[in-house]
Amino acid sequence: MSAIKLNRLILADIWRHKLVIGLILACLGSALAVVEFTHMNRQLTITEDKLLQQRDSLEMEWRNLLVEQRALAEHSRVEDIAANQLDMVRPYGAQEVVVQQ
């Protein structure tokens, strides 16, 4: 019989302090939300750092490719390949042919 009275007493006490219990639950929920959002923020910061490093790496590779492209497109290199590998020579005045449209 005393267990039933104790249960009723506990429920009555909870009902009287429902505002306090609600505020405690709200504080706990808010604290858990802060922890979750802090974790998400840290994960996003780590991802951002990785992406920035990848961007820097790609920019460096792009600069190297531009330098290589400029080196390969130099006029003296093209002339050297034409002369040595393709046996091409620069035509003289009498050898030049002008095509008219």
PDB file of N, CA and C in Angstrom:
ATOM      1  N   MET A   1       0.814  -1.194   0.000  1.00  0.00           N
ATOM      2  CA  MET A   1       0.000   0.000   0.000  1.00  0.00           C
ATOM      3  C   MET A   1       0.859   1.261   0.000  1.00  0.00           C
ATOM      4  N   SER A   2       2.005   1.213   0.685  1.00  0.00           N
ATOM      5  CA  SER A   2       2.862   2.391   0.759  1.00  0.00           C
ATOM      6  C   SER A   2       3.537   2.654  -0.582  1.00  0.00           C
ATOM      7  N   ALA A   3       3.746   1.590  -1.382  1.00  0.00           N
ATOM      8  CA  ALA A   3       4.350   1.759  -2.702  1.00  0.00           C
ATOM      9  C   ALA A   3       3.412   2.542  -3.612  1.00  0.00           C
ATOM     10  N   ILE A   4       2.115   2.309  -3.502  1.00  0.00           N
ATOM     11  CA  ILE A   4       1.142   3.042  -4.315  1.00  0.00           C
ATOM     12  C   ILE A   4       1.121   4.501  -3.904  1.00  0.00           C
ATOM     13  N   LYS A   5       1.158   4.760  -2.604  1.00  0.00           N
ATOM     14  CA  LYS A   5       1.180   6.140  -2.131  1.00  0.00           C
ATOM     15  C   LYS A   5       2.468   6.832  -2.569  1.00  0.00           C
ATOM     16  N   LEU A   6       3.585   6.097  -2.558  1.00  0.00           N
ATOM     17  CA  LEU A   6       4.864   6.667  -2.983  1.00  0.00           C
ATOM     18  C   LEU A   6       4.824   7.026  -4.460  1.00  0.00           C
ATOM     19  N   ASN A   7       4.252   6.147  -5.288  1.00  0.00           N
ATOM     20  CA  ASN A   7       4.128   6.430  -6.715  1.00  0.00           C
ATOM     21  C   ASN A   7       3.278   7.674  -6.940  1.00  0.00           C
ATOM     22  N   ARG A   8       2.150   7.762  -6.229  1.00  0.00           N
ATOM     23  CA  ARG A   8       1.276   8.934  -6.375  1.00  0.00           C
ATOM     24  C   ARG A   8       1.989  10.199  -5.903  1.00  0.00           C
ATOM     25  N   LEU A   9       2.751  10.078  -4.839  1.00  0.00           N
ATOM     26  CA  LEU A   9       3.472  11.223  -4.301  1.00  0.00           C
ATOM     27  C   LEU A   9       4.533  11.698  -5.295  1.00  0.00           C
ATOM     28  N   ILE A  10       5.244  10.755  -5.922  1.00  0.00           N
ATOM     29  CA  ILE A  10       6.258  11.101  -6.927  1.00  0.00           C
ATOM     30  C   ILE A  10       5.605  11.768  -8.129  1.00  0.00           C
ATOM     31  N   LEU A  11       4.504  11.214  -8.621  1.00  0.00           N
ATOM     32  CA  LEU A  11       3.806  11.803  -9.761  1.00  0.00           C
ATOM     33  C   LEU A  11       3.257  13.178  -9.428  1.00  0.00           C
ATOM     34  N   ALA A  12       2.721  13.346  -8.206  1.00  0.00           N
ATOM     35  CA  ALA A  12       2.212  14.658  -7.808  1.00  0.00           C
ATOM     36  C   ALA A  12       3.347  15.670  -7.721  1.00  0.00           C
ATOM     37  N   ASP A  13       4.502  15.236  -7.212  1.00  0.00           N
ATOM     38  CA  ASP A  13       5.660  16.121  -7.109  1.00  0.00           C
ATOM     39  C   ASP A  13       6.171  16.522  -8.497  1.00  0.00           C
ATOM     40  N   ILE A  14       6.210  15.553  -9.415  1.00  0.00           N
ATOM     41  CA  ILE A  14       6.624  15.840 -10.798  1.00  0.00           C
ATOM     42  C   ILE A  14       5.641  16.817 -11.438  1.00  0.00           C
ATOM     43  N   TRP A  15       4.355  16.619 -11.203  1.00  0.00           N
ATOM     44  CA  TRP A  15       3.336  17.499 -11.794  1.00  0.00           C
ATOM     45  C   TRP A  15       3.469  18.918 -11.244  1.00  0.00           C
ATOM     46  N   ARG A  16       3.782  19.064  -9.946  1.00  0.00           N
ATOM     47  CA  ARG A  16       3.946  20.382  -9.355  1.00  0.00           C
ATOM     48  C   ARG A  16       5.191  21.094  -9.894  1.00  0.00           C
ATOM     49  N   HIS A  17       6.214  20.349 -10.223  1.00  0.00           N
ATOM     50  CA  HIS A  17       7.476  20.943 -10.687  1.00  0.00           C
ATOM     51  C   HIS A  17       7.699  20.700 -12.183  1.00  0.00           C
ATOM     52  N   LYS A  18       6.632  20.658 -12.934  1.00  0.00           N
ATOM     53  CA  LYS A  18       6.757  20.370 -14.369  1.00  0.00           C
ATOM     54  C   LYS A  18       7.543  21.445 -15.102  1.00  0.00           C
ATOM     55  N   LEU A  19       7.437  22.696 -14.664  1.00  0.00           N
ATOM     56  CA  LEU A  19       8.194  23.771 -15.312  1.00  0.00           C
ATOM     57  C   LEU A  19       9.693  23.568 -15.099  1.00  0.00           C
ATOM     58  N   VAL A  20      10.086  23.230 -13.895  1.00  0.00           N
ATOM     59  CA  VAL A  20      11.507  23.011 -13.589  1.00  0.00           C
ATOM     60  C   VAL A  20      12.040  21.815 -14.372  1.00  0.00           C
ATOM     61  N   ILE A  21      11.273  20.747 -14.408  1.00  0.00           N
ATOM     62  CA  ILE A  21      11.694  19.557 -15.153  1.00  0.00           C
ATOM     63  C   ILE A  21      11.774  19.870 -16.646  1.00  0.00           C
ATOM     64  N   GLY A  22      10.825  20.633 -17.152  1.00  0.00           N
ATOM     65  CA  GLY A  22      10.868  21.030 -18.563  1.00  0.00           C
ATOM     66  C   GLY A  22      12.093  21.882 -18.865  1.00  0.00           C
ATOM     67  N   LEU A  23      12.433  22.791 -17.959  1.00  0.00           N
ATOM     68  CA  LEU A  23      13.623  23.622 -18.159  1.00  0.00           C
ATOM     69  C   LEU A  23      14.906  22.789 -18.099  1.00  0.00           C
ATOM     70  N   ILE A  24      14.931  21.818 -17.200  1.00  0.00           N
ATOM     71  CA  ILE A  24      16.100  20.929 -17.123  1.00  0.00           C
ATOM     72  C   ILE A  24      16.256  20.135 -18.415  1.00  0.00           C
ATOM     73  N   LEU A  25      15.157  19.605 -18.934  1.00  0.00           N
ATOM     74  CA  LEU A  25      15.211  18.860 -20.196  1.00  0.00           C
ATOM     75  C   LEU A  25      15.620  19.773 -21.351  1.00  0.00           C
ATOM     76  N   ALA A  26      15.126  21.021 -21.331  1.00  0.00           N
ATOM     77  CA  ALA A  26      15.515  21.966 -22.381  1.00  0.00           C
ATOM     78  C   ALA A  26      17.005  22.278 -22.305  1.00  0.00           C
ATOM     79  N   CYS A  27      17.534  22.434 -21.085  1.00  0.00           N
ATOM     80  CA  CYS A  27      18.973  22.687 -20.926  1.00  0.00           C
ATOM     81  C   CYS A  27      19.795  21.506 -21.425  1.00  0.00           C
ATOM     82  N   LEU A  28      19.370  20.292 -21.097  1.00  0.00           N
ATOM     83  CA  LEU A  28      20.082  19.104 -21.565  1.00  0.00           C
ATOM     84  C   LEU A  28      20.040  19.009 -23.091  1.00  0.00           C
ATOM     85  N   GLY A  29      18.868  19.263 -23.651  1.00  0.00           N
ATOM     86  CA  GLY A  29      18.753  19.236 -25.114  1.00  0.00           C
ATOM     87  C   GLY A  29      19.626  20.302 -25.760  1.00  0.00           C
ATOM     88  N   SER A  30      19.650  21.493 -25.165  1.00  0.00           N
ATOM     89  CA  SER A  30      20.489  22.562 -25.691  1.00  0.00           C
ATOM     90  C   SER A  30      21.972  22.201 -25.595  1.00  0.00           C
ATOM     91  N   ALA A  31      22.372  21.606 -24.483  1.00  0.00           N
ATOM     92  CA  ALA A  31      23.773  21.210 -24.316  1.00  0.00           C
ATOM     93  C   ALA A  31      24.166  20.152 -25.342  1.00  0.00           C
ATOM     94  N   LEU A  32      23.289  19.186 -25.572  1.00  0.00           N
ATOM     95  CA  LEU A  32      23.579  18.160 -26.576  1.00  0.00           C
ATOM     96  C   LEU A  32      23.658  18.765 -27.977  1.00  0.00           C
ATOM     97  N   ALA A  33      22.787  19.746 -28.250  1.00  0.00           N
ATOM     98  CA  ALA A  33      22.824  20.409 -29.554  1.00  0.00           C
ATOM     99  C   ALA A  33      24.132  21.175 -29.736  1.00  0.00           C
ATOM    100  N   VAL A  34      24.605  21.840 -28.671  1.00  0.00           N
ATOM    101  CA  VAL A  34      25.871  22.565 -28.752  1.00  0.00           C
ATOM    102  C   VAL A  34      27.017  21.598 -29.030  1.00  0.00           C
ATOM    103  N   VAL A  35      27.022  20.473 -28.357  1.00  0.00           N
ATOM    104  CA  VAL A  35      28.071  19.479 -28.583  1.00  0.00           C
ATOM    105  C   VAL A  35      28.027  18.976 -30.023  1.00  0.00           C
ATOM    106  N   GLU A  36      26.838  18.679 -30.520  1.00  0.00           N
ATOM    107  CA  GLU A  36      26.702  18.169 -31.889  1.00  0.00           C
ATOM    108  C   GLU A  36      27.141  19.206 -32.916  1.00  0.00           C
ATOM    109  N   PHE A  37      26.715  20.455 -32.743  1.00  0.00           N
ATOM    110  CA  PHE A  37      27.088  21.492 -33.712  1.00  0.00           C
ATOM    111  C   PHE A  37      28.571  21.827 -33.644  1.00  0.00           C
ATOM    112  N   THR A  38      29.165  21.739 -32.457  1.00  0.00           N
ATOM    113  CA  THR A  38      30.604  21.951 -32.345  1.00  0.00           C
ATOM    114  C   THR A  38      31.359  20.850 -33.087  1.00  0.00           C
ATOM    115  N   HIS A  39      30.913  19.623 -32.937  1.00  0.00           N
ATOM    116  CA  HIS A  39      31.536  18.505 -33.652  1.00  0.00           C
ATOM    117  C   HIS A  39      31.397  18.684 -35.167  1.00  0.00           C
ATOM    118  N   MET A  40      30.211  19.055 -35.611  1.00  0.00           N
ATOM    119  CA  MET A  40      29.997  19.276 -37.047  1.00  0.00           C
ATOM    120  C   MET A  40      30.879  20.408 -37.557  1.00  0.00           C
ATOM    121  N   ASN A  41      31.019  21.465 -36.757  1.00  0.00           N
ATOM    122  CA  ASN A  41      31.859  22.594 -37.155  1.00  0.00           C
ATOM    123  C   ASN A  41      33.309  22.165 -37.304  1.00  0.00           C
ATOM    124  N   ARG A  42      33.790  21.355 -36.379  1.00  0.00           N
ATOM    125  CA  ARG A  42      35.171  20.871 -36.469  1.00  0.00           C
ATOM    126  C   ARG A  42      35.369  19.982 -37.680  1.00  0.00           C
ATOM    127  N   GLN A  43      34.400  19.121 -37.960  1.00  0.00           N
ATOM    128  CA  GLN A  43      34.509  18.242 -39.136  1.00  0.00           C
ATOM    129  C   GLN A  43      34.530  19.074 -40.422  1.00  0.00           C
ATOM    130  N   LEU A  44      33.683  20.103 -40.484  1.00  0.00           N
ATOM    131  CA  LEU A  44      33.657  20.953 -41.675  1.00  0.00           C
ATOM    132  C   LEU A  44      34.950  21.750 -41.818  1.00  0.00           C
ATOM    133  N   THR A  45      35.534  22.165 -40.702  1.00  0.00           N
ATOM    134  CA  THR A  45      36.803  22.882 -40.756  1.00  0.00           C
ATOM    135  C   THR A  45      37.909  21.978 -41.272  1.00  0.00           C
ATOM    136  N   ILE A  46      37.920  20.732 -40.822  1.00  0.00           N
ATOM    137  CA  ILE A  46      38.909  19.766 -41.309  1.00  0.00           C
ATOM    138  C   ILE A  46      38.732  19.539 -42.814  1.00  0.00           C
ATOM    139  N   THR A  47      37.489  19.394 -43.246  1.00  0.00           N
ATOM    140  CA  THR A  47      37.211  19.202 -44.673  1.00  0.00           C
ATOM    141  C   THR A  47      37.645  20.422 -45.470  1.00  0.00           C
ATOM    142  N   GLU A  48      37.377  21.606 -44.942  1.00  0.00           N
ATOM    143  CA  GLU A  48      37.787  22.834 -45.634  1.00  0.00           C
ATOM    144  C   GLU A  48      39.301  22.894 -45.770  1.00  0.00           C
ATOM    145  N   ASP A  49      40.023  22.558 -44.706  1.00  0.00           N
ATOM    146  CA  ASP A  49      41.481  22.567 -44.769  1.00  0.00           C
ATOM    147  C   ASP A  49      42.006  21.595 -45.820  1.00  0.00           C
ATOM    148  N   LYS A  50      41.413  20.406 -45.888  1.00  0.00           N
ATOM    149  CA  LYS A  50      41.830  19.428 -46.894  1.00  0.00           C
ATOM    150  C   LYS A  50      41.570  19.954 -48.305  1.00  0.00           C
ATOM    151  N   LEU A  51      40.410  20.587 -48.496  1.00  0.00           N
ATOM    152  CA  LEU A  51      40.088  21.122 -49.820  1.00  0.00           C
ATOM    153  C   LEU A  51      41.010  22.282 -50.190  1.00  0.00           C
ATOM    154  N   LEU A  52      41.373  23.112 -49.217  1.00  0.00           N
ATOM    155  CA  LEU A  52      42.305  24.206 -49.495  1.00  0.00           C
ATOM    156  C   LEU A  52      43.684  23.668 -49.862  1.00  0.00           C
ATOM    157  N   GLN A  53      44.120  22.614 -49.185  1.00  0.00           N
ATOM    158  CA  GLN A  53      45.402  22.000 -49.537  1.00  0.00           C
ATOM    159  C   GLN A  53      45.350  21.406 -50.943  1.00  0.00           C
ATOM    160  N   GLN A  54      44.229  20.777 -51.278  1.00  0.00           N
ATOM    161  CA  GLN A  54      44.072  20.209 -52.612  1.00  0.00           C
ATOM    162  C   GLN A  54      44.074  21.318 -53.660  1.00  0.00           C
ATOM    163  N   ARG A  55      43.399  22.434 -53.354  1.00  0.00           N
ATOM    164  CA  ARG A  55      43.380  23.566 -54.290  1.00  0.00           C
ATOM    165  C   ARG A  55      44.788  24.112 -54.504  1.00  0.00           C
ATOM    166  N   ASP A  56      45.554  24.263 -53.409  1.00  0.00           N
ATOM    167  CA  ASP A  56      46.926  24.757 -53.535  1.00  0.00           C
ATOM    168  C   ASP A  56      47.780  23.815 -54.365  1.00  0.00           C
ATOM    169  N   SER A  57      47.590  22.522 -54.157  1.00  0.00           N
ATOM    170  CA  SER A  57      48.337  21.536 -54.935  1.00  0.00           C
ATOM    171  C   SER A  57      47.979  21.618 -56.418  1.00  0.00           C
ATOM    172  N   LEU A  58      46.691  21.752 -56.700  1.00  0.00           N
ATOM    173  CA  LEU A  58      46.262  21.855 -58.101  1.00  0.00           C
ATOM    174  C   LEU A  58      46.746  23.153 -58.741  1.00  0.00           C
ATOM    175  N   GLU A  59      46.769  24.241 -57.984  1.00  0.00           N
ATOM    176  CA  GLU A  59      47.285  25.504 -58.523  1.00  0.00           C
ATOM    177  C   GLU A  59      48.770  25.394 -58.847  1.00  0.00           C
ATOM    178  N   MET A  60      49.524  24.722 -57.971  1.00  0.00           N
ATOM    179  CA  MET A  60      50.946  24.547 -58.217  1.00  0.00           C
ATOM    180  C   MET A  60      51.161  23.681 -59.463  1.00  0.00           C
ATOM    181  N   GLU A  61      50.377  22.616 -59.588  1.00  0.00           N
ATOM    182  CA  GLU A  61      50.486  21.765 -60.770  1.00  0.00           C
ATOM    183  C   GLU A  61      50.119  22.549 -62.034  1.00  0.00           C
ATOM    184  N   TRP A  62      49.102  23.409 -61.943  1.00  0.00           N
ATOM    185  CA  TRP A  62      48.697  24.228 -63.086  1.00  0.00           C
ATOM    186  C   TRP A  62      49.829  25.175 -63.494  1.00  0.00           C
ATOM    187  N   ARG A  63      50.472  25.802 -62.505  1.00  0.00           N
ATOM    188  CA  ARG A  63      51.594  26.699 -62.821  1.00  0.00           C
ATOM    189  C   ARG A  63      52.727  25.928 -63.493  1.00  0.00           C
ATOM    190  N   ASN A  64      53.022  24.743 -62.988  1.00  0.00           N
ATOM    191  CA  ASN A  64      54.082  23.929 -63.605  1.00  0.00           C
ATOM    192  C   ASN A  64      53.727  23.542 -65.039  1.00  0.00           C
ATOM    193  N   LEU A  65      52.463  23.222 -65.268  1.00  0.00           N
ATOM    194  CA  LEU A  65      52.039  22.873 -66.628  1.00  0.00           C
ATOM    195  C   LEU A  65      52.129  24.074 -67.562  1.00  0.00           C
ATOM    196  N   LEU A  66      51.800  25.265 -67.055  1.00  0.00           N
ATOM    197  CA  LEU A  66      51.936  26.461 -67.889  1.00  0.00           C
ATOM    198  C   LEU A  66      53.393  26.724 -68.246  1.00  0.00           C
ATOM    199  N   VAL A  67      54.280  26.553 -67.274  1.00  0.00           N
ATOM    200  CA  VAL A  67      55.709  26.740 -67.544  1.00  0.00           C
ATOM    201  C   VAL A  67      56.180  25.720 -68.574  1.00  0.00           C
ATOM    202  N   GLU A  68      55.737  24.476 -68.421  1.00  0.00           N
ATOM    203  CA  GLU A  68      56.124  23.429 -69.367  1.00  0.00           C
ATOM    204  C   GLU A  68      55.565  23.723 -70.762  1.00  0.00           C
ATOM    205  N   GLN A  69      54.337  24.209 -70.817  1.00  0.00           N
ATOM    206  CA  GLN A  69      53.735  24.537 -72.109  1.00  0.00           C
ATOM    207  C   GLN A  69      54.505  25.663 -72.789  1.00  0.00           C
ATOM    208  N   ARG A  70      54.881  26.666 -72.023  1.00  0.00           N
ATOM    209  CA  ARG A  70      55.656  27.770 -72.611  1.00  0.00           C
ATOM    210  C   ARG A  70      57.016  27.283 -73.109  1.00  0.00           C
ATOM    211  N   ALA A  71      57.613  26.386 -72.338  1.00  0.00           N
ATOM    212  CA  ALA A  71      58.920  25.873 -72.755  1.00  0.00           C
ATOM    213  C   ALA A  71      58.806  25.042 -74.029  1.00  0.00           C
ATOM    214  N   LEU A  72      57.733  24.257 -74.117  1.00  0.00           N
ATOM    215  CA  LEU A  72      57.564  23.422 -75.311  1.00  0.00           C
ATOM    216  C   LEU A  72      57.161  24.227 -76.539  1.00  0.00           C
ATOM    217  N   ALA A  73      56.576  25.379 -76.331  1.00  0.00           N
ATOM    218  CA  ALA A  73      56.107  26.180 -77.461  1.00  0.00           C
ATOM    219  C   ALA A  73      57.113  27.247 -77.892  1.00  0.00           C
ATOM    220  N   GLU A  74      58.291  27.272 -77.299  1.00  0.00           N
ATOM    221  CA  GLU A  74      59.289  28.274 -77.682  1.00  0.00           C
ATOM    222  C   GLU A  74      59.656  28.111 -79.154  1.00  0.00           C
ATOM    223  N   HIS A  75      59.850  29.242 -79.807  1.00  0.00           N
ATOM    224  CA  HIS A  75      60.118  29.259 -81.240  1.00  0.00           C
ATOM    225  C   HIS A  75      61.412  28.514 -81.579  1.00  0.00           C
ATOM    226  N   SER A  76      62.446  28.710 -80.773  1.00  0.00           N
ATOM    227  CA  SER A  76      63.725  28.050 -81.080  1.00  0.00           C
ATOM    228  C   SER A  76      63.594  26.533 -80.962  1.00  0.00           C
ATOM    229  N   ARG A  77      62.814  26.054 -80.026  1.00  0.00           N
ATOM    230  CA  ARG A  77      62.621  24.604 -79.865  1.00  0.00           C
ATOM    231  C   ARG A  77      61.869  24.042 -81.064  1.00  0.00           C
ATOM    232  N   VAL A  78      60.835  24.765 -81.495  1.00  0.00           N
ATOM    233  CA  VAL A  78      60.056  24.309 -82.654  1.00  0.00           C
ATOM    234  C   VAL A  78      60.941  24.286 -83.905  1.00  0.00           C
ATOM    235  N   GLU A  79      61.761  25.305 -84.064  1.00  0.00           N
ATOM    236  CA  GLU A  79      62.669  25.328 -85.222  1.00  0.00           C
ATOM    237  C   GLU A  79      63.674  24.177 -85.158  1.00  0.00           C
ATOM    238  N   ASP A  80      64.185  23.898 -83.969  1.00  0.00           N
ATOM    239  CA  ASP A  80      65.154  22.815 -83.801  1.00  0.00           C
ATOM    240  C   ASP A  80      64.531  21.461 -84.141  1.00  0.00           C
ATOM    241  N   ILE A  81      63.324  21.214 -83.682  1.00  0.00           N
ATOM    242  CA  ILE A  81      62.641  19.954 -84.001  1.00  0.00           C
ATOM    243  C   ILE A  81      62.360  19.863 -85.487  1.00  0.00           C
ATOM    244  N   ALA A  82      61.931  20.970 -86.096  1.00  0.00           N
ATOM    245  CA  ALA A  82      61.646  20.966 -87.533  1.00  0.00           C
ATOM    246  C   ALA A  82      62.909  20.659 -88.334  1.00  0.00           C
ATOM    247  N   ALA A  83      64.022  21.218 -87.926  1.00  0.00           N
ATOM    248  CA  ALA A  83      65.257  21.018 -88.674  1.00  0.00           C
ATOM    249  C   ALA A  83      65.842  19.632 -88.438  1.00  0.00           C
ATOM    250  N   ASN A  84      65.894  19.191 -87.203  1.00  0.00           N
ATOM    251  CA  ASN A  84      66.583  17.931 -86.894  1.00  0.00           C
ATOM    252  C   ASN A  84      65.727  16.691 -87.124  1.00  0.00           C
ATOM    253  N   GLN A  85      64.501  16.707 -86.683  1.00  0.00           N
ATOM    254  CA  GLN A  85      63.682  15.507 -86.773  1.00  0.00           C
ATOM    255  C   GLN A  85      62.910  15.409 -88.083  1.00  0.00           C
ATOM    256  N   LEU A  86      62.508  16.541 -88.636  1.00  0.00           N
ATOM    257  CA  LEU A  86      61.686  16.511 -89.847  1.00  0.00           C
ATOM    258  C   LEU A  86      62.455  16.913 -91.101  1.00  0.00           C
ATOM    259  N   ASP A  87      63.735  17.236 -90.935  1.00  0.00           N
ATOM    260  CA  ASP A  87      64.590  17.659 -92.060  1.00  0.00           C
ATOM    261  C   ASP A  87      63.965  18.813 -92.845  1.00  0.00           C
ATOM    262  N   MET A  88      63.410  19.754 -92.129  1.00  0.00           N
ATOM    263  CA  MET A  88      62.819  20.926 -92.775  1.00  0.00           C
ATOM    264  C   MET A  88      63.846  22.058 -92.782  1.00  0.00           C
ATOM    265  N   VAL A  89      63.798  22.886 -93.817  1.00  0.00           N
ATOM    266  CA  VAL A  89      64.686  24.053 -93.909  1.00  0.00           C
ATOM    267  C   VAL A  89      63.847  25.276 -94.250  1.00  0.00           C
ATOM    268  N   ARG A  90      64.377  26.425 -93.910  1.00  0.00           N
ATOM    269  CA  ARG A  90      63.677  27.664 -94.218  1.00  0.00           C
ATOM    270  C   ARG A  90      63.874  27.958 -95.716  1.00  0.00           C
ATOM    271  N   PRO A  91      62.801  28.219 -96.436  1.00  0.00           N
ATOM    272  CA  PRO A  91      62.936  28.468 -97.876  1.00  0.00           C
ATOM    273  C   PRO A  91      63.568  29.836 -98.142  1.00  0.00           C
ATOM    274  N   TYR A  92      64.297  29.889 -99.251  1.00  0.00           N
ATOM    275  CA  TYR A  92      64.896  31.152 -99.679  1.00  0.00           C
ATOM    276  C   TYR A  92      63.902  31.892-100.547  1.00  0.00           C
ATOM    277  N   GLY A  93      64.222  33.087-100.943  1.00  0.00           N
ATOM    278  CA  GLY A  93      63.315  33.941-101.689  1.00  0.00           C
ATOM    279  C   GLY A  93      62.767  33.299-102.947  1.00  0.00           C
ATOM    280  N   ALA A  94      63.611  32.608-103.699  1.00  0.00           N
ATOM    281  CA  ALA A  94      63.151  31.990-104.948  1.00  0.00           C
ATOM    282  C   ALA A  94      62.314  30.756-104.715  1.00  0.00           C
ATOM    283  N   GLN A  95      62.451  30.135-103.549  1.00  0.00           N
ATOM    284  CA  GLN A  95      61.709  28.910-103.245  1.00  0.00           C
ATOM    285  C   GLN A  95      60.318  29.188-102.673  1.00  0.00           C
ATOM    286  N   GLU A  96      60.097  30.415-102.250  1.00  0.00           N
ATOM    287  CA  GLU A  96      58.808  30.750-101.641  1.00  0.00           C
ATOM    288  C   GLU A  96      57.721  30.786-102.698  1.00  0.00           C
ATOM    289  N   VAL A  97      56.567  30.227-102.377  1.00  0.00           N
ATOM    290  CA  VAL A  97      55.411  30.238-103.273  1.00  0.00           C
ATOM    291  C   VAL A  97      54.278  30.925-102.537  1.00  0.00           C
ATOM    292  N   VAL A  98      53.706  31.953-103.143  1.00  0.00           N
ATOM    293  CA  VAL A  98      52.604  32.683-102.547  1.00  0.00           C
ATOM    294  C   VAL A  98      51.322  32.201-103.188  1.00  0.00           C
ATOM    295  N   VAL A  99      50.367  31.770-102.397  1.00  0.00           N
ATOM    296  CA  VAL A  99      49.093  31.257-102.897  1.00  0.00           C
ATOM    297  C   VAL A  99      48.068  32.382-102.789  1.00  0.00           C
ATOM    298  N   GLN A 100      47.470  32.711-103.901  1.00  0.00           N
ATOM    299  CA  GLN A 100      46.458  33.762-103.941  1.00  0.00           C
ATOM    300  C   GLN A 100      45.076  33.136-103.891  1.00  0.00           C
ATOM    301  N   GLN A 101      44.139  33.806-103.307  1.00  0.00           N
ATOM    302  CA  GLN A 101      42.775  33.287-103.263  1.00  0.00           C
ATOM    303  C   GLN A 101      41.962  33.823-104.394  1.00  0.00           C
TER     304      GLN A 101
END
